[in-house]
């Protein structure tokens, strides 16, 4: 599995929220990032996915397979 295999949701942030864009990974609880542009938010969340997977592995927790992998099985 690689970060690009996961569904990512990117939404604009309001000025009250600080502006820019917010990216989340619904399949990985708590995995999120942001950026000034949608592309920056995407690149940053790919890094966050890698860190999320590393931390889960170190703690002995299962890493959920991306939906695309589960639906193909």
PDB file of N, CA and C in Angstrom:
ATOM      1  N   UNK A   1       0.839  -1.184   0.000  1.00  0.00           N
ATOM      2  CA  UNK A   1       0.000   0.000   0.000  1.00  0.00           C
ATOM      3  C   UNK A   1       0.879   1.241   0.000  1.00  0.00           C
ATOM      4  N   UNK A   2       0.433   2.240  -0.710  1.00  0.00           N
ATOM      5  CA  UNK A   2       1.154   3.506  -0.737  1.00  0.00           C
ATOM      6  C   UNK A   2       0.163   4.643  -0.463  1.00  0.00           C
ATOM      7  N   UNK A   3       0.654   5.790  -0.045  1.00  0.00           N
ATOM      8  CA  UNK A   3      -0.250   6.895   0.301  1.00  0.00           C
ATOM      9  C   UNK A   3      -1.251   7.241  -0.805  1.00  0.00           C
ATOM     10  N   UNK A   4      -0.843   7.131  -2.048  1.00  0.00           N
ATOM     11  CA  UNK A   4      -1.713   7.487  -3.167  1.00  0.00           C
ATOM     12  C   UNK A   4      -2.890   6.532  -3.341  1.00  0.00           C
ATOM     13  N   UNK A   5      -2.878   5.397  -2.649  1.00  0.00           N
ATOM     14  CA  UNK A   5      -3.967   4.423  -2.755  1.00  0.00           C
ATOM     15  C   UNK A   5      -5.186   4.808  -1.920  1.00  0.00           C
ATOM     16  N   UNK A   6      -5.021   5.719  -0.991  1.00  0.00           N
ATOM     17  CA  UNK A   6      -6.108   6.083  -0.084  1.00  0.00           C
ATOM     18  C   UNK A   6      -6.941   7.234  -0.626  1.00  0.00           C
ATOM     19  N   UNK A   7      -8.236   7.190  -0.290  1.00  0.00           N
ATOM     20  CA  UNK A   7      -9.129   8.296  -0.627  1.00  0.00           C
ATOM     21  C   UNK A   7      -8.742   9.504   0.220  1.00  0.00           C
ATOM     22  N   UNK A   8      -8.675  10.654  -0.418  1.00  0.00           N
ATOM     23  CA  UNK A   8      -8.324  11.898   0.268  1.00  0.00           C
ATOM     24  C   UNK A   8      -9.412  12.920  -0.025  1.00  0.00           C
ATOM     25  N   UNK A   9      -9.842  13.612   1.010  1.00  0.00           N
ATOM     26  CA  UNK A   9     -10.856  14.657   0.869  1.00  0.00           C
ATOM     27  C   UNK A   9     -10.168  15.989   1.144  1.00  0.00           C
ATOM     28  N   UNK A  10     -10.256  16.901   0.183  1.00  0.00           N
ATOM     29  CA  UNK A  10      -9.655  18.233   0.332  1.00  0.00           C
ATOM     30  C   UNK A  10     -10.772  19.267   0.264  1.00  0.00           C
ATOM     31  N   UNK A  11     -10.769  20.164   1.233  1.00  0.00           N
ATOM     32  CA  UNK A  11     -11.775  21.227   1.233  1.00  0.00           C
ATOM     33  C   UNK A  11     -11.110  22.560   1.542  1.00  0.00           C
ATOM     34  N   UNK A  12     -11.669  23.646   1.007  1.00  0.00           N
ATOM     35  CA  UNK A  12     -11.114  24.961   1.333  1.00  0.00           C
ATOM     36  C   UNK A  12     -11.437  25.334   2.774  1.00  0.00           C
ATOM     37  N   UNK A  13     -10.516  26.043   3.383  1.00  0.00           N
ATOM     38  CA  UNK A  13     -10.719  26.563   4.732  1.00  0.00           C
ATOM     39  C   UNK A  13     -11.183  28.015   4.629  1.00  0.00           C
ATOM     40  N   UNK A  14     -12.114  28.402   5.471  1.00  0.00           N
ATOM     41  CA  UNK A  14     -12.580  29.785   5.493  1.00  0.00           C
ATOM     42  C   UNK A  14     -11.475  30.678   6.059  1.00  0.00           C
ATOM     43  N   UNK A  15     -11.641  31.949   5.875  1.00  0.00           N
ATOM     44  CA  UNK A  15     -10.677  32.905   6.444  1.00  0.00           C
ATOM     45  C   UNK A  15     -10.643  32.786   7.969  1.00  0.00           C
ATOM     46  N   UNK A  16     -11.800  32.496   8.577  1.00  0.00           N
ATOM     47  CA  UNK A  16     -11.851  32.313  10.033  1.00  0.00           C
ATOM     48  C   UNK A  16     -11.039  31.092  10.475  1.00  0.00           C
ATOM     49  N   UNK A  17     -10.938  30.103   9.592  1.00  0.00           N
ATOM     50  CA  UNK A  17     -10.170  28.893   9.886  1.00  0.00           C
ATOM     51  C   UNK A  17      -8.700  29.039   9.502  1.00  0.00           C
ATOM     52  N   UNK A  18      -8.343  30.188   8.953  1.00  0.00           N
ATOM     53  CA  UNK A  18      -6.953  30.434   8.598  1.00  0.00           C
ATOM     54  C   UNK A  18      -6.658  30.396   7.109  1.00  0.00           C
ATOM     55  N   UNK A  19      -7.663  30.085   6.283  1.00  0.00           N
ATOM     56  CA  UNK A  19      -7.475  30.041   4.837  1.00  0.00           C
ATOM     57  C   UNK A  19      -6.705  28.807   4.400  1.00  0.00           C
ATOM     58  N   UNK A  20      -6.532  28.662   3.108  1.00  0.00           N
ATOM     59  CA  UNK A  20      -5.830  27.517   2.557  1.00  0.00           C
ATOM     60  C   UNK A  20      -6.767  26.342   2.365  1.00  0.00           C
ATOM     61  N   UNK A  21      -6.206  25.145   2.441  1.00  0.00           N
ATOM     62  CA  UNK A  21      -6.966  23.924   2.187  1.00  0.00           C
ATOM     63  C   UNK A  21      -6.650  22.869   3.237  1.00  0.00           C
ATOM     64  N   UNK A  22      -7.658  22.065   3.549  1.00  0.00           N
ATOM     65  CA  UNK A  22      -7.559  21.033   4.583  1.00  0.00           C
ATOM     66  C   UNK A  22      -7.775  19.678   3.924  1.00  0.00           C
ATOM     67  N   UNK A  23      -6.882  18.730   4.169  1.00  0.00           N
ATOM     68  CA  UNK A  23      -6.975  17.395   3.586  1.00  0.00           C
ATOM     69  C   UNK A  23      -7.107  16.349   4.689  1.00  0.00           C
ATOM     70  N   UNK A  24      -8.043  15.435   4.509  1.00  0.00           N
ATOM     71  CA  UNK A  24      -8.236  14.346   5.456  1.00  0.00           C
ATOM     72  C   UNK A  24      -8.251  13.010   4.714  1.00  0.00           C
ATOM     73  N   UNK A  25      -7.989  11.950   5.469  1.00  0.00           N
ATOM     74  CA  UNK A  25      -8.001  10.592   4.929  1.00  0.00           C
ATOM     75  C   UNK A  25      -9.032   9.817   5.746  1.00  0.00           C
ATOM     76  N   UNK A  26     -10.262   9.688   5.227  1.00  0.00           N
ATOM     77  CA  UNK A  26     -11.333   9.065   6.010  1.00  0.00           C
ATOM     78  C   UNK A  26     -11.012   7.664   6.527  1.00  0.00           C
ATOM     79  N   UNK A  27     -10.220   6.904   5.804  1.00  0.00           N
ATOM     80  CA  UNK A  27      -9.924   5.528   6.209  1.00  0.00           C
ATOM     81  C   UNK A  27      -8.879   5.437   7.319  1.00  0.00           C
ATOM     82  N   UNK A  28      -8.178   6.538   7.581  1.00  0.00           N
ATOM     83  CA  UNK A  28      -7.130   6.552   8.603  1.00  0.00           C
ATOM     84  C   UNK A  28      -7.494   7.606   9.646  1.00  0.00           C
ATOM     85  N   UNK A  29      -8.162   7.221  10.723  1.00  0.00           N
ATOM     86  CA  UNK A  29      -8.626   8.178  11.726  1.00  0.00           C
ATOM     87  C   UNK A  29      -7.513   9.099  12.229  1.00  0.00           C
ATOM     88  N   UNK A  30      -7.809  10.380  12.197  1.00  0.00           N
ATOM     89  CA  UNK A  30      -6.860  11.374  12.692  1.00  0.00           C
ATOM     90  C   UNK A  30      -5.794  11.777  11.694  1.00  0.00           C
ATOM     91  N   UNK A  31      -5.800  11.179  10.509  1.00  0.00           N
ATOM     92  CA  UNK A  31      -4.787  11.502   9.504  1.00  0.00           C
ATOM     93  C   UNK A  31      -5.261  12.700   8.695  1.00  0.00           C
ATOM     94  N   UNK A  32      -4.521  13.803   8.797  1.00  0.00           N
ATOM     95  CA  UNK A  32      -4.928  15.045   8.141  1.00  0.00           C
ATOM     96  C   UNK A  32      -3.724  15.953   7.953  1.00  0.00           C
ATOM     97  N   UNK A  33      -3.894  16.940   7.092  1.00  0.00           N
ATOM     98  CA  UNK A  33      -2.872  17.961   6.890  1.00  0.00           C
ATOM     99  C   UNK A  33      -3.529  19.148   6.207  1.00  0.00           C
ATOM    100  N   UNK A  34      -2.733  20.142   5.893  1.00  0.00           N
ATOM    101  CA  UNK A  34      -3.263  21.314   5.190  1.00  0.00           C
ATOM    102  C   UNK A  34      -2.199  21.896   4.288  1.00  0.00           C
ATOM    103  N   UNK A  35      -2.576  22.933   3.571  1.00  0.00           N
ATOM    104  CA  UNK A  35      -1.637  23.615   2.691  1.00  0.00           C
ATOM    105  C   UNK A  35      -2.260  24.884   2.140  1.00  0.00           C
ATOM    106  N   UNK A  36      -1.435  25.717   1.556  1.00  0.00           N
ATOM    107  CA  UNK A  36      -1.921  26.969   0.975  1.00  0.00           C
ATOM    108  C   UNK A  36      -2.736  26.733  -0.292  1.00  0.00           C
ATOM    109  N   UNK A  37      -2.429  25.667  -1.032  1.00  0.00           N
ATOM    110  CA  UNK A  37      -3.132  25.316  -2.261  1.00  0.00           C
ATOM    111  C   UNK A  37      -3.631  23.875  -2.148  1.00  0.00           C
ATOM    112  N   UNK A  38      -4.578  23.480  -3.006  1.00  0.00           N
ATOM    113  CA  UNK A  38      -5.005  22.075  -2.970  1.00  0.00           C
ATOM    114  C   UNK A  38      -3.833  21.116  -3.217  1.00  0.00           C
ATOM    115  N   UNK A  39      -2.942  21.461  -4.135  1.00  0.00           N
ATOM    116  CA  UNK A  39      -1.793  20.604  -4.433  1.00  0.00           C
ATOM    117  C   UNK A  39      -0.865  20.485  -3.223  1.00  0.00           C
ATOM    118  N   UNK A  40      -0.622  21.574  -2.536  1.00  0.00           N
ATOM    119  CA  UNK A  40       0.222  21.534  -1.337  1.00  0.00           C
ATOM    120  C   UNK A  40      -0.430  20.703  -0.241  1.00  0.00           C
ATOM    121  N   UNK A  41      -1.749  20.843  -0.071  1.00  0.00           N
ATOM    122  CA  UNK A  41      -2.463  20.035   0.926  1.00  0.00           C
ATOM    123  C   UNK A  41      -2.354  18.557   0.572  1.00  0.00           C
ATOM    124  N   UNK A  42      -2.464  18.224  -0.717  1.00  0.00           N
ATOM    125  CA  UNK A  42      -2.342  16.835  -1.155  1.00  0.00           C
ATOM    126  C   UNK A  42      -0.953  16.287  -0.869  1.00  0.00           C
ATOM    127  N   UNK A  43       0.074  17.026  -1.228  1.00  0.00           N
ATOM    128  CA  UNK A  43       1.450  16.591  -0.976  1.00  0.00           C
ATOM    129  C   UNK A  43       1.702  16.421   0.522  1.00  0.00           C
ATOM    130  N   UNK A  44       1.195  17.353   1.314  1.00  0.00           N
ATOM    131  CA  UNK A  44       1.384  17.278   2.763  1.00  0.00           C
ATOM    132  C   UNK A  44       0.645  16.090   3.371  1.00  0.00           C
ATOM    133  N   UNK A  45      -0.553  15.785   2.865  1.00  0.00           N
ATOM    134  CA  UNK A  45      -1.302  14.663   3.440  1.00  0.00           C
ATOM    135  C   UNK A  45      -0.669  13.336   3.019  1.00  0.00           C
ATOM    136  N   UNK A  46      -0.024  13.273   1.865  1.00  0.00           N
ATOM    137  CA  UNK A  46       0.715  12.056   1.510  1.00  0.00           C
ATOM    138  C   UNK A  46       1.805  11.790   2.557  1.00  0.00           C
ATOM    139  N   UNK A  47       2.494  12.833   2.980  1.00  0.00           N
ATOM    140  CA  UNK A  47       3.508  12.692   4.029  1.00  0.00           C
ATOM    141  C   UNK A  47       2.857  12.266   5.344  1.00  0.00           C
ATOM    142  N   UNK A  48       1.702  12.853   5.651  1.00  0.00           N
ATOM    143  CA  UNK A  48       0.983  12.499   6.884  1.00  0.00           C
ATOM    144  C   UNK A  48       0.557  11.029   6.864  1.00  0.00           C
ATOM    145  N   UNK A  49       0.154  10.526   5.700  1.00  0.00           N
ATOM    146  CA  UNK A  49      -0.231   9.115   5.586  1.00  0.00           C
ATOM    147  C   UNK A  49       0.965   8.231   5.912  1.00  0.00           C
ATOM    148  N   UNK A  50       2.127   8.563   5.362  1.00  0.00           N
ATOM    149  CA  UNK A  50       3.330   7.786   5.660  1.00  0.00           C
ATOM    150  C   UNK A  50       3.652   7.786   7.138  1.00  0.00           C
ATOM    151  N   UNK A  51       3.534   8.940   7.768  1.00  0.00           N
ATOM    152  CA  UNK A  51       3.786   9.038   9.216  1.00  0.00           C
ATOM    153  C   UNK A  51       2.745   8.261  10.006  1.00  0.00           C
ATOM    154  N   UNK A  52       1.484   8.322   9.575  1.00  0.00           N
ATOM    155  CA  UNK A  52       0.406   7.592  10.243  1.00  0.00           C
ATOM    156  C   UNK A  52       0.691   6.099  10.193  1.00  0.00           C
ATOM    157  N   UNK A  53       1.073   5.606   9.011  1.00  0.00           N
ATOM    158  CA  UNK A  53       1.365   4.173   8.843  1.00  0.00           C
ATOM    159  C   UNK A  53       2.562   3.746   9.699  1.00  0.00           C
ATOM    160  N   UNK A  54       3.573   4.576   9.727  1.00  0.00           N
ATOM    161  CA  UNK A  54       4.766   4.268  10.521  1.00  0.00           C
ATOM    162  C   UNK A  54       4.422   4.177  12.008  1.00  0.00           C
ATOM    163  N   UNK A  55       3.649   5.153  12.493  1.00  0.00           N
ATOM    164  CA  UNK A  55       3.264   5.163  13.906  1.00  0.00           C
ATOM    165  C   UNK A  55       2.392   3.953  14.239  1.00  0.00           C
ATOM    166  N   UNK A  56       1.434   3.638  13.362  1.00  0.00           N
ATOM    167  CA  UNK A  56       0.570   2.478  13.602  1.00  0.00           C
ATOM    168  C   UNK A  56       1.396   1.201  13.660  1.00  0.00           C
ATOM    169  N   UNK A  57       2.342   1.072  12.759  1.00  0.00           N
ATOM    170  CA  UNK A  57       3.203  -0.110  12.722  1.00  0.00           C
ATOM    171  C   UNK A  57       4.031  -0.223  14.002  1.00  0.00           C
ATOM    172  N   UNK A  58       4.597   0.890  14.447  1.00  0.00           N
ATOM    173  CA  UNK A  58       5.406   0.896  15.667  1.00  0.00           C
ATOM    174  C   UNK A  58       4.586   0.516  16.893  1.00  0.00           C
ATOM    175  N   UNK A  59       3.290   0.859  16.879  1.00  0.00           N
ATOM    176  CA  UNK A  59       2.419   0.547  18.006  1.00  0.00           C
ATOM    177  C   UNK A  59       1.757  -0.819  17.860  1.00  0.00           C
ATOM    178  N   UNK A  60       2.056  -1.521  16.771  1.00  0.00           N
ATOM    179  CA  UNK A  60       1.470  -2.841  16.554  1.00  0.00           C
ATOM    180  C   UNK A  60       0.016  -2.808  16.132  1.00  0.00           C
ATOM    181  N   UNK A  61      -0.424  -1.688  15.598  1.00  0.00           N
ATOM    182  CA  UNK A  61      -1.817  -1.557  15.173  1.00  0.00           C
ATOM    183  C   UNK A  61      -1.953  -1.904  13.691  1.00  0.00           C
ATOM    184  N   UNK A  62      -3.110  -2.410  13.330  1.00  0.00           N
ATOM    185  CA  UNK A  62      -3.381  -2.757  11.933  1.00  0.00           C
ATOM    186  C   UNK A  62      -3.537  -1.494  11.102  1.00  0.00           C
ATOM    187  N   UNK A  63      -3.072  -1.562   9.873  1.00  0.00           N
ATOM    188  CA  UNK A  63      -3.233  -0.466   8.934  1.00  0.00           C
ATOM    189  C   UNK A  63      -4.342  -0.867   7.968  1.00  0.00           C
ATOM    190  N   UNK A  64      -5.452  -0.128   7.970  1.00  0.00           N
ATOM    191  CA  UNK A  64      -6.560  -0.500   7.091  1.00  0.00           C
ATOM    192  C   UNK A  64      -6.143  -0.463   5.621  1.00  0.00           C
ATOM    193  N   UNK A  65      -6.609  -1.446   4.870  1.00  0.00           N
ATOM    194  CA  UNK A  65      -6.360  -1.444   3.433  1.00  0.00           C
ATOM    195  C   UNK A  65      -7.221  -0.342   2.795  1.00  0.00           C
ATOM    196  N   UNK A  66      -6.721   0.292   1.762  1.00  0.00           N
ATOM    197  CA  UNK A  66      -7.530   1.289   1.055  1.00  0.00           C
ATOM    198  C   UNK A  66      -8.814   0.648   0.517  1.00  0.00           C
ATOM    199  N   UNK A  67      -9.863   1.412   0.401  1.00  0.00           N
ATOM    200  CA  UNK A  67     -11.145   0.906  -0.102  1.00  0.00           C
ATOM    201  C   UNK A  67     -10.983   0.231  -1.451  1.00  0.00           C
ATOM    202  N   UNK A  68     -10.155   0.794  -2.305  1.00  0.00           N
ATOM    203  CA  UNK A  68      -9.974   0.222  -3.637  1.00  0.00           C
ATOM    204  C   UNK A  68      -9.417  -1.193  -3.543  1.00  0.00           C
ATOM    205  N   UNK A  69      -8.592  -1.490  -2.534  1.00  0.00           N
ATOM    206  CA  UNK A  69      -8.052  -2.832  -2.339  1.00  0.00           C
ATOM    207  C   UNK A  69      -9.142  -3.762  -1.800  1.00  0.00           C
ATOM    208  N   UNK A  70      -9.960  -3.236  -0.874  1.00  0.00           N
ATOM    209  CA  UNK A  70     -10.996  -4.062  -0.258  1.00  0.00           C
ATOM    210  C   UNK A  70     -12.076  -4.423  -1.270  1.00  0.00           C
ATOM    211  N   UNK A  71     -12.454  -3.483  -2.142  1.00  0.00           N
ATOM    212  CA  UNK A  71     -13.534  -3.744  -3.096  1.00  0.00           C
ATOM    213  C   UNK A  71     -13.075  -4.680  -4.215  1.00  0.00           C
ATOM    214  N   UNK A  72     -11.762  -4.750  -4.459  1.00  0.00           N
ATOM    215  CA  UNK A  72     -11.241  -5.617  -5.500  1.00  0.00           C
ATOM    216  C   UNK A  72     -11.117  -7.060  -5.026  1.00  0.00           C
ATOM    217  N   UNK A  73     -11.135  -7.251  -3.724  1.00  0.00           N
ATOM    218  CA  UNK A  73     -10.946  -8.602  -3.165  1.00  0.00           C
ATOM    219  C   UNK A  73     -12.197  -9.438  -3.225  1.00  0.00           C
TER     220      UNK A  73
END
